[in-house]
PDB file of N, CA and C in Angstrom:
ATOM      1  N   MET A   1      -6.760  22.087   2.874  1.00  0.00           N
ATOM      2  CA  MET A   1      -5.667  21.183   2.687  1.00  0.00           C
ATOM      3  C   MET A   1      -5.975  20.940   0.858  1.00  0.00           C
ATOM      4  N   PRO A   2      -4.947  21.322   0.046  1.00  0.00           N
ATOM      5  CA  PRO A   2      -5.394  20.723  -1.181  1.00  0.00           C
ATOM      6  C   PRO A   2      -4.770  19.003  -0.840  1.00  0.00           C
ATOM      7  N   SER A   3      -6.036  18.833  -2.267  1.00  0.00           N
ATOM      8  CA  SER A   3      -6.266  17.852  -2.073  1.00  0.00           C
ATOM      9  C   SER A   3      -4.906  16.770  -2.816  1.00  0.00           C
ATOM     10  N   LEU A   4      -4.670  15.470  -2.539  1.00  0.00           N
ATOM     11  CA  LEU A   4      -3.348  15.446  -2.785  1.00  0.00           C
ATOM     12  C   LEU A   4      -3.808  14.385  -4.271  1.00  0.00           C
ATOM     13  N   SER A   5      -2.654  14.093  -5.282  1.00  0.00           N
ATOM     14  CA  SER A   5      -2.594  13.433  -6.595  1.00  0.00           C
ATOM     15  C   SER A   5      -2.648  12.176  -6.211  1.00  0.00           C
ATOM     16  N   ARG A   6      -3.084  11.000  -6.816  1.00  0.00           N
ATOM     17  CA  ARG A   6      -3.118   9.974  -6.704  1.00  0.00           C
ATOM     18  C   ARG A   6      -1.549   9.509  -6.517  1.00  0.00           C
ATOM     19  N   ASP A   7      -0.942   9.783  -7.159  1.00  0.00           N
ATOM     20  CA  ASP A   7       0.598   9.598  -6.611  1.00  0.00           C
ATOM     21  C   ASP A   7       1.146   9.705  -5.441  1.00  0.00           C
ATOM     22  N   GLU A   8       0.921  11.365  -5.467  1.00  0.00           N
ATOM     23  CA  GLU A   8       1.042  11.807  -4.114  1.00  0.00           C
ATOM     24  C   GLU A   8       0.953  11.402  -2.865  1.00  0.00           C
ATOM     25  N   ARG A   9      -0.592  10.814  -3.255  1.00  0.00           N
ATOM     26  CA  ARG A   9      -1.532  10.117  -1.802  1.00  0.00           C
ATOM     27  C   ARG A   9      -0.240   8.477  -1.759  1.00  0.00           C
ATOM     28  N   GLU A  10      -0.305   8.357  -2.749  1.00  0.00           N
ATOM     29  CA  GLU A  10       0.563   6.848  -2.631  1.00  0.00           C
ATOM     30  C   GLU A  10       2.012   6.700  -2.457  1.00  0.00           C
ATOM     31  N   ALA A  11       2.496   8.180  -2.717  1.00  0.00           N
ATOM     32  CA  ALA A  11       3.895   8.454  -2.137  1.00  0.00           C
ATOM     33  C   ALA A  11       3.798   8.478  -0.201  1.00  0.00           C
ATOM     34  N   PHE A  12       2.934   9.226  -0.049  1.00  0.00           N
ATOM     35  CA  PHE A  12       3.002   9.653   1.333  1.00  0.00           C
ATOM     36  C   PHE A  12       2.457   8.248   2.041  1.00  0.00           C
ATOM     37  N   LEU A  13       1.558   7.317   1.730  1.00  0.00           N
ATOM     38  CA  LEU A  13       1.286   6.401   2.748  1.00  0.00           C
ATOM     39  C   LEU A  13       2.457   5.738   2.638  1.00  0.00           C
ATOM     40  N   ALA A  14       3.609   5.333   1.329  1.00  0.00           N
ATOM     41  CA  ALA A  14       4.446   4.711   1.861  1.00  0.00           C
ATOM     42  C   ALA A  14       5.352   4.584   2.700  1.00  0.00           C
ATOM     43  N   GLU A  15       5.281   6.457   2.598  1.00  0.00           N
ATOM     44  CA  GLU A  15       6.488   6.376   3.717  1.00  0.00           C
ATOM     45  C   GLU A  15       6.598   5.819   5.473  1.00  0.00           C
ATOM     46  N   PRO A  16       7.753   5.536   6.142  1.00  0.00           N
ATOM     47  CA  PRO A  16       7.094   4.708   7.484  1.00  0.00           C
ATOM     48  C   PRO A  16       6.196   5.925   8.479  1.00  0.00           C
ATOM     49  N   ARG A  17       5.402   5.333   8.964  1.00  0.00           N
ATOM     50  CA  ARG A  17       4.492   6.575   9.618  1.00  0.00           C
ATOM     51  C   ARG A  17       3.584   5.722  10.759  1.00  0.00           C
ATOM     52  N   ILE A  18       2.910   6.676  11.477  1.00  0.00           N
ATOM     53  CA  ILE A  18       2.161   5.730  12.692  1.00  0.00           C
ATOM     54  C   ILE A  18       0.893   6.005  11.943  1.00  0.00           C
ATOM     55  N   ALA A  19      -0.557   4.831  12.426  1.00  0.00           N
ATOM     56  CA  ALA A  19      -1.368   5.269  11.833  1.00  0.00           C
ATOM     57  C   ALA A  19      -2.388   4.896  12.791  1.00  0.00           C
ATOM     58  N   ALA A  20      -3.540   5.558  12.979  1.00  0.00           N
ATOM     59  CA  ALA A  20      -4.344   5.300  14.141  1.00  0.00           C
ATOM     60  C   ALA A  20      -5.569   4.557  13.175  1.00  0.00           C
ATOM     61  N   LEU A  21      -6.061   2.896  13.970  1.00  0.00           N
ATOM     62  CA  LEU A  21      -6.654   2.521  13.172  1.00  0.00           C
ATOM     63  C   LEU A  21      -7.960   2.189  14.347  1.00  0.00           C
ATOM     64  N   SER A  22      -9.511   2.552  13.974  1.00  0.00           N
ATOM     65  CA  SER A  22     -10.228   2.697  14.524  1.00  0.00           C
ATOM     66  C   SER A  22     -11.457   1.334  14.249  1.00  0.00           C
ATOM     67  N   VAL A  23     -11.912   1.264  14.543  1.00  0.00           N
ATOM     68  CA  VAL A  23     -12.837  -0.338  14.644  1.00  0.00           C
ATOM     69  C   VAL A  23     -14.162  -0.202  15.834  1.00  0.00           C
ATOM     70  N   ALA A  24     -15.011  -0.263  15.062  1.00  0.00           N
ATOM     71  CA  ALA A  24     -16.491  -0.462  16.386  1.00  0.00           C
ATOM     72  C   ALA A  24     -16.302  -1.630  17.099  1.00  0.00           C
ATOM     73  N   ALA A  25     -17.315  -1.146  18.519  1.00  0.00           N
ATOM     74  CA  ALA A  25     -16.197  -2.075  19.643  1.00  0.00           C
ATOM     75  C   ALA A  25     -17.536  -2.669  20.413  1.00  0.00           C
ATOM     76  N   GLY A  26     -18.720  -2.212  19.561  1.00  0.00           N
ATOM     77  CA  GLY A  26     -20.059  -2.320  19.830  1.00  0.00           C
ATOM     78  C   GLY A  26     -21.515  -1.509  19.745  1.00  0.00           C
ATOM     79  N   ARG A  27     -22.265  -1.636  19.826  1.00  0.00           N
ATOM     80  CA  ARG A  27     -23.590  -0.728  19.728  1.00  0.00           C
ATOM     81  C   ARG A  27     -23.555  -0.004  20.627  1.00  0.00           C
ATOM     82  N   ASP A  28     -23.151  -0.101  22.130  1.00  0.00           N
ATOM     83  CA  ASP A  28     -23.121   0.914  23.003  1.00  0.00           C
ATOM     84  C   ASP A  28     -21.869   1.662  23.152  1.00  0.00           C
ATOM     85  N   ARG A  29     -20.836   1.377  23.058  1.00  0.00           N
ATOM     86  CA  ARG A  29     -19.481   1.704  22.691  1.00  0.00           C
ATOM     87  C   ARG A  29     -19.160   2.635  21.237  1.00  0.00           C
ATOM     88  N   GLY A  30     -18.181   3.850  21.714  1.00  0.00           N
ATOM     89  CA  GLY A  30     -17.707   4.265  20.979  1.00  0.00           C
ATOM     90  C   GLY A  30     -16.923   3.358  19.818  1.00  0.00           C
ATOM     91  N   PRO A  31     -16.228   3.571  19.178  1.00  0.00           N
ATOM     92  CA  PRO A  31     -15.032   2.912  18.473  1.00  0.00           C
ATOM     93  C   PRO A  31     -13.536   2.616  19.063  1.00  0.00           C
ATOM     94  N   PHE A  32     -13.136   1.550  18.860  1.00  0.00           N
ATOM     95  CA  PHE A  32     -11.785   1.641  19.632  1.00  0.00           C
ATOM     96  C   PHE A  32     -10.318   1.425  18.533  1.00  0.00           C
ATOM     97  N   THR A  33      -9.739   2.684  19.664  1.00  0.00           N
ATOM     98  CA  THR A  33      -9.362   3.312  18.146  1.00  0.00           C
ATOM     99  C   THR A  33      -7.834   2.999  19.072  1.00  0.00           C
ATOM    100  N   LEU A  34      -6.727   2.877  18.392  1.00  0.00           N
ATOM    101  CA  LEU A  34      -5.301   2.673  18.976  1.00  0.00           C
ATOM    102  C   LEU A  34      -4.339   3.520  17.783  1.00  0.00           C
ATOM    103  N   PRO A  35      -3.166   3.984  17.834  1.00  0.00           N
ATOM    104  CA  PRO A  35      -1.975   3.893  17.169  1.00  0.00           C
ATOM    105  C   PRO A  35      -1.536   1.837  16.256  1.00  0.00           C
ATOM    106  N   ILE A  36      -1.275   1.784  15.292  1.00  0.00           N
ATOM    107  CA  ILE A  36      -0.324   1.160  14.954  1.00  0.00           C
ATOM    108  C   ILE A  36       0.899   1.246  13.523  1.00  0.00           C
ATOM    109  N   TRP A  37       1.574   0.596  13.339  1.00  0.00           N
ATOM    110  CA  TRP A  37       2.397   0.850  12.381  1.00  0.00           C
ATOM    111  C   TRP A  37       1.596  -0.060  11.080  1.00  0.00           C
ATOM    112  N   TYR A  38       1.763   0.152  10.042  1.00  0.00           N
ATOM    113  CA  TYR A  38       1.296   0.025   8.993  1.00  0.00           C
ATOM    114  C   TYR A  38       2.214  -0.335   7.696  1.00  0.00           C
ATOM    115  N   ASP A  39       2.153  -1.254   6.993  1.00  0.00           N
ATOM    116  CA  ASP A  39       2.784  -0.702   5.589  1.00  0.00           C
ATOM    117  C   ASP A  39       2.123  -1.105   4.450  1.00  0.00           C
ATOM    118  N   TYR A  40       2.605  -0.389   3.412  1.00  0.00           N
ATOM    119  CA  TYR A  40       1.948   0.208   2.458  1.00  0.00           C
ATOM    120  C   TYR A  40       2.362   0.111   1.031  1.00  0.00           C
ATOM    121  N   ALA A  41       2.848   0.035   0.008  1.00  0.00           N
ATOM    122  CA  ALA A  41       3.116  -0.230  -1.516  1.00  0.00           C
ATOM    123  C   ALA A  41       2.552   0.149  -2.287  1.00  0.00           C
ATOM    124  N   PRO A  42       2.674   1.493  -3.137  1.00  0.00           N
ATOM    125  CA  PRO A  42       2.063   2.169  -3.902  1.00  0.00           C
ATOM    126  C   PRO A  42       1.409   0.909  -4.934  1.00  0.00           C
ATOM    127  N   GLY A  43       0.397   1.144  -4.898  1.00  0.00           N
ATOM    128  CA  GLY A  43      -1.102   0.017  -5.929  1.00  0.00           C
ATOM    129  C   GLY A  43      -1.579  -0.892  -5.275  1.00  0.00           C
ATOM    130  N   GLY A  44      -0.936  -0.793  -4.211  1.00  0.00           N
ATOM    131  CA  GLY A  44      -1.639  -2.328  -3.213  1.00  0.00           C
ATOM    132  C   GLY A  44      -2.557  -2.016  -2.117  1.00  0.00           C
ATOM    133  N   GLU A  45      -1.979  -2.741  -0.900  1.00  0.00           N
ATOM    134  CA  GLU A  45      -2.828  -2.519   0.317  1.00  0.00           C
ATOM    135  C   GLU A  45      -2.438  -2.380   1.576  1.00  0.00           C
ATOM    136  N   ALA A  46      -3.102  -1.667   2.371  1.00  0.00           N
ATOM    137  CA  ALA A  46      -2.458  -2.085   3.646  1.00  0.00           C
ATOM    138  C   ALA A  46      -1.843  -2.961   4.305  1.00  0.00           C
ATOM    139  N   TRP A  47      -0.505  -2.909   4.791  1.00  0.00           N
ATOM    140  CA  TRP A  47      -0.763  -3.834   5.605  1.00  0.00           C
ATOM    141  C   TRP A  47      -0.447  -3.716   7.315  1.00  0.00           C
ATOM    142  N   ILE A  48      -1.779  -4.603   8.134  1.00  0.00           N
ATOM    143  CA  ILE A  48      -1.301  -4.154   9.722  1.00  0.00           C
ATOM    144  C   ILE A  48      -0.929  -5.566  10.169  1.00  0.00           C
ATOM    145  N   ILE A  49      -0.306  -5.797  11.463  1.00  0.00           N
ATOM    146  CA  ILE A  49       0.076  -6.934  11.950  1.00  0.00           C
ATOM    147  C   ILE A  49       0.025  -7.340  13.460  1.00  0.00           C
ATOM    148  N   THR A  50      -1.190  -7.341  13.734  1.00  0.00           N
ATOM    149  CA  THR A  50      -1.718  -7.729  14.863  1.00  0.00           C
ATOM    150  C   THR A  50      -1.611  -9.644  15.919  1.00  0.00           C
ATOM    151  N   GLY A  51      -2.028  -9.763  17.240  1.00  0.00           N
ATOM    152  CA  GLY A  51      -2.127 -10.979  17.067  1.00  0.00           C
ATOM    153  C   GLY A  51      -3.515 -11.262  17.182  1.00  0.00           C
ATOM    154  N   ALA A  52      -3.517 -12.775  16.579  1.00  0.00           N
ATOM    155  CA  ALA A  52      -4.616 -13.735  16.014  1.00  0.00           C
ATOM    156  C   ALA A  52      -5.495 -13.474  17.126  1.00  0.00           C
ATOM    157  N   ASP A  53      -5.695 -13.673  18.944  1.00  0.00           N
ATOM    158  CA  ASP A  53      -6.138 -13.008  19.615  1.00  0.00           C
ATOM    159  C   ASP A  53      -6.729 -12.490  20.534  1.00  0.00           C
ATOM    160  N   SER A  54      -5.625 -10.990  19.325  1.00  0.00           N
ATOM    161  CA  SER A  54      -5.811  -9.505  19.748  1.00  0.00           C
ATOM    162  C   SER A  54      -6.983  -9.048  20.251  1.00  0.00           C
ATOM    163  N   ARG A  55      -7.674  -7.955  21.124  1.00  0.00           N
ATOM    164  CA  ARG A  55      -8.627  -7.749  21.002  1.00  0.00           C
ATOM    165  C   ARG A  55      -8.903  -7.014  19.653  1.00  0.00           C
ATOM    166  N   LYS A  56      -8.292  -6.296  19.273  1.00  0.00           N
ATOM    167  CA  LYS A  56      -8.131  -5.462  17.852  1.00  0.00           C
ATOM    168  C   LYS A  56      -8.996  -6.384  16.555  1.00  0.00           C
ATOM    169  N   ALA A  57      -7.908  -7.474  16.632  1.00  0.00           N
ATOM    170  CA  ALA A  57      -7.751  -8.775  16.053  1.00  0.00           C
ATOM    171  C   ALA A  57      -9.553  -9.262  16.092  1.00  0.00           C
ATOM    172  N   ARG A  58     -10.407  -9.253  17.397  1.00  0.00           N
ATOM    173  CA  ARG A  58     -11.438  -9.717  17.307  1.00  0.00           C
ATOM    174  C   ARG A  58     -12.762  -9.074  17.059  1.00  0.00           C
ATOM    175  N   LEU A  59     -12.173  -7.608  17.246  1.00  0.00           N
ATOM    176  CA  LEU A  59     -12.794  -6.594  17.181  1.00  0.00           C
ATOM    177  C   LEU A  59     -13.462  -6.159  15.407  1.00  0.00           C
ATOM    178  N   ILE A  60     -11.922  -6.291  13.982  1.00  0.00           N
ATOM    179  CA  ILE A  60     -11.554  -6.477  12.781  1.00  0.00           C
ATOM    180  C   ILE A  60     -12.915  -7.247  12.598  1.00  0.00           C
ATOM    181  N   LYS A  61     -12.308  -9.044  12.767  1.00  0.00           N
ATOM    182  CA  LYS A  61     -13.180  -9.954  12.540  1.00  0.00           C
ATOM    183  C   LYS A  61     -14.671  -9.891  12.857  1.00  0.00           C
ATOM    184  N   ALA A  62     -15.531  -9.678  13.856  1.00  0.00           N
ATOM    185  CA  ALA A  62     -16.566  -9.256  14.188  1.00  0.00           C
ATOM    186  C   ALA A  62     -17.291  -8.086  13.310  1.00  0.00           C
ATOM    187  N   ALA A  63     -16.995  -6.854  12.866  1.00  0.00           N
ATOM    188  CA  ALA A  63     -16.368  -5.605  12.388  1.00  0.00           C
ATOM    189  C   ALA A  63     -16.797  -5.832  10.946  1.00  0.00           C
ATOM    190  N   GLY A  64     -15.925  -6.555  10.363  1.00  0.00           N
ATOM    191  CA  GLY A  64     -15.629  -6.901   8.725  1.00  0.00           C
ATOM    192  C   GLY A  64     -14.783  -5.428   8.342  1.00  0.00           C
ATOM    193  N   ARG A  65     -14.596  -5.096   8.912  1.00  0.00           N
ATOM    194  CA  ARG A  65     -13.622  -3.511   8.285  1.00  0.00           C
ATOM    195  C   ARG A  65     -13.328  -2.905   9.417  1.00  0.00           C
ATOM    196  N   PHE A  66     -12.499  -1.904   9.188  1.00  0.00           N
ATOM    197  CA  PHE A  66     -11.793  -0.898   9.996  1.00  0.00           C
ATOM    198  C   PHE A  66     -11.557   0.341   9.131  1.00  0.00           C
ATOM    199  N   SER A  67     -10.974   1.196   9.838  1.00  0.00           N
ATOM    200  CA  SER A  67     -10.486   2.252   9.473  1.00  0.00           C
ATOM    201  C   SER A  67      -9.340   2.907   9.900  1.00  0.00           C
ATOM    202  N   LEU A  68      -8.358   3.249   8.637  1.00  0.00           N
ATOM    203  CA  LEU A  68      -6.910   4.043   9.462  1.00  0.00           C
ATOM    204  C   LEU A  68      -6.177   5.385   8.877  1.00  0.00           C
ATOM    205  N   MET A  69      -5.815   5.767   9.978  1.00  0.00           N
ATOM    206  CA  MET A  69      -5.956   7.206   9.510  1.00  0.00           C
ATOM    207  C   MET A  69      -4.258   7.579   9.916  1.00  0.00           C
ATOM    208  N   VAL A  70      -3.845   7.992   8.786  1.00  0.00           N
ATOM    209  CA  VAL A  70      -2.407   8.357   8.383  1.00  0.00           C
ATOM    210  C   VAL A  70      -2.304   9.645   8.378  1.00  0.00           C
ATOM    211  N   GLU A  71      -1.394  10.481   9.646  1.00  0.00           N
ATOM    212  CA  GLU A  71      -1.324  11.580   9.965  1.00  0.00           C
ATOM    213  C   GLU A  71      -0.079  12.196   9.306  1.00  0.00           C
ATOM    214  N   ARG A  72       0.251  13.385   8.850  1.00  0.00           N
ATOM    215  CA  ARG A  72       1.417  14.222   8.873  1.00  0.00           C
ATOM    216  C   ARG A  72       1.367  15.206  10.421  1.00  0.00           C
ATOM    217  N   THR A  73       2.914  14.730  10.452  1.00  0.00           N
ATOM    218  CA  THR A  73       3.627  15.437  11.550  1.00  0.00           C
ATOM    219  C   THR A  73       3.497  16.660  11.385  1.00  0.00           C
ATOM    220  N   LEU A  74       3.913  17.378  10.032  1.00  0.00           N
ATOM    221  CA  LEU A  74       4.329  19.095   9.998  1.00  0.00           C
ATOM    222  C   LEU A  74       2.641  18.965   8.733  1.00  0.00           C
ATOM    223  N   PRO A  75       2.192  20.210   8.961  1.00  0.00           N
ATOM    224  CA  PRO A  75       1.206  21.517   7.929  1.00  0.00           C
ATOM    225  C   PRO A  75       2.095  21.056   6.560  1.00  0.00           C
ATOM    226  N   PRO A  76       0.875  20.816   5.880  1.00  0.00           N
ATOM    227  CA  PRO A  76       1.361  20.774   4.382  1.00  0.00           C
ATOM    228  C   PRO A  76       2.324  21.784   3.998  1.00  0.00           C
ATOM    229  N   GLY A  77       3.503  22.252   3.359  1.00  0.00           N
ATOM    230  CA  GLY A  77       4.452  22.992   2.867  1.00  0.00           C
ATOM    231  C   GLY A  77       5.081  23.054   3.656  1.00  0.00           C
ATOM    232  N   GLY A  78       5.038  22.725   4.962  1.00  0.00           N
ATOM    233  CA  GLY A  78       6.249  22.738   5.844  1.00  0.00           C
ATOM    234  C   GLY A  78       5.640  23.807   7.568  1.00  0.00           C
ATOM    235  N   PRO A  79       6.727  23.671   8.265  1.00  0.00           N
ATOM    236  CA  PRO A  79       6.571  24.505   9.579  1.00  0.00           C
ATOM    237  C   PRO A  79       5.894  26.156   9.370  1.00  0.00           C
ATOM    238  N   THR A  80       4.740  26.451   9.934  1.00  0.00           N
ATOM    239  CA  THR A  80       4.063  27.530   9.885  1.00  0.00           C
ATOM    240  C   THR A  80       4.606  28.375  10.831  1.00  0.00           C
ATOM    241  N   ALA A  81       4.771  29.877  11.031  1.00  0.00           N
ATOM    242  CA  ALA A  81       5.075  30.707  12.200  1.00  0.00           C
ATOM    243  C   ALA A  81       4.097  30.595  13.219  1.00  0.00           C
ATOM    244  N   PRO A  82       4.380  30.681  14.501  1.00  0.00           N
ATOM    245  CA  PRO A  82       3.644  30.897  15.612  1.00  0.00           C
ATOM    246  C   PRO A  82       2.686  32.466  15.260  1.00  0.00           C
TER     247      PRO A  82
END
């Protein structure tokens, strides 16, 4: 898949989409991953909303970081023939 330009990437991220958030869940566990809504405006930072006492909020606070994966629902250039 060709890389997106900065403008294309920012436009893609600014569209309403669901992302997958992953955060470390402990040394002896895999990452905690779940779907999440996010908000993004070009040139800004992604925003997520979660309860302050939620498991994901506690894990993010402990880890100090998380990953956010945003996906397409169709391949680049549109659907392909089966």
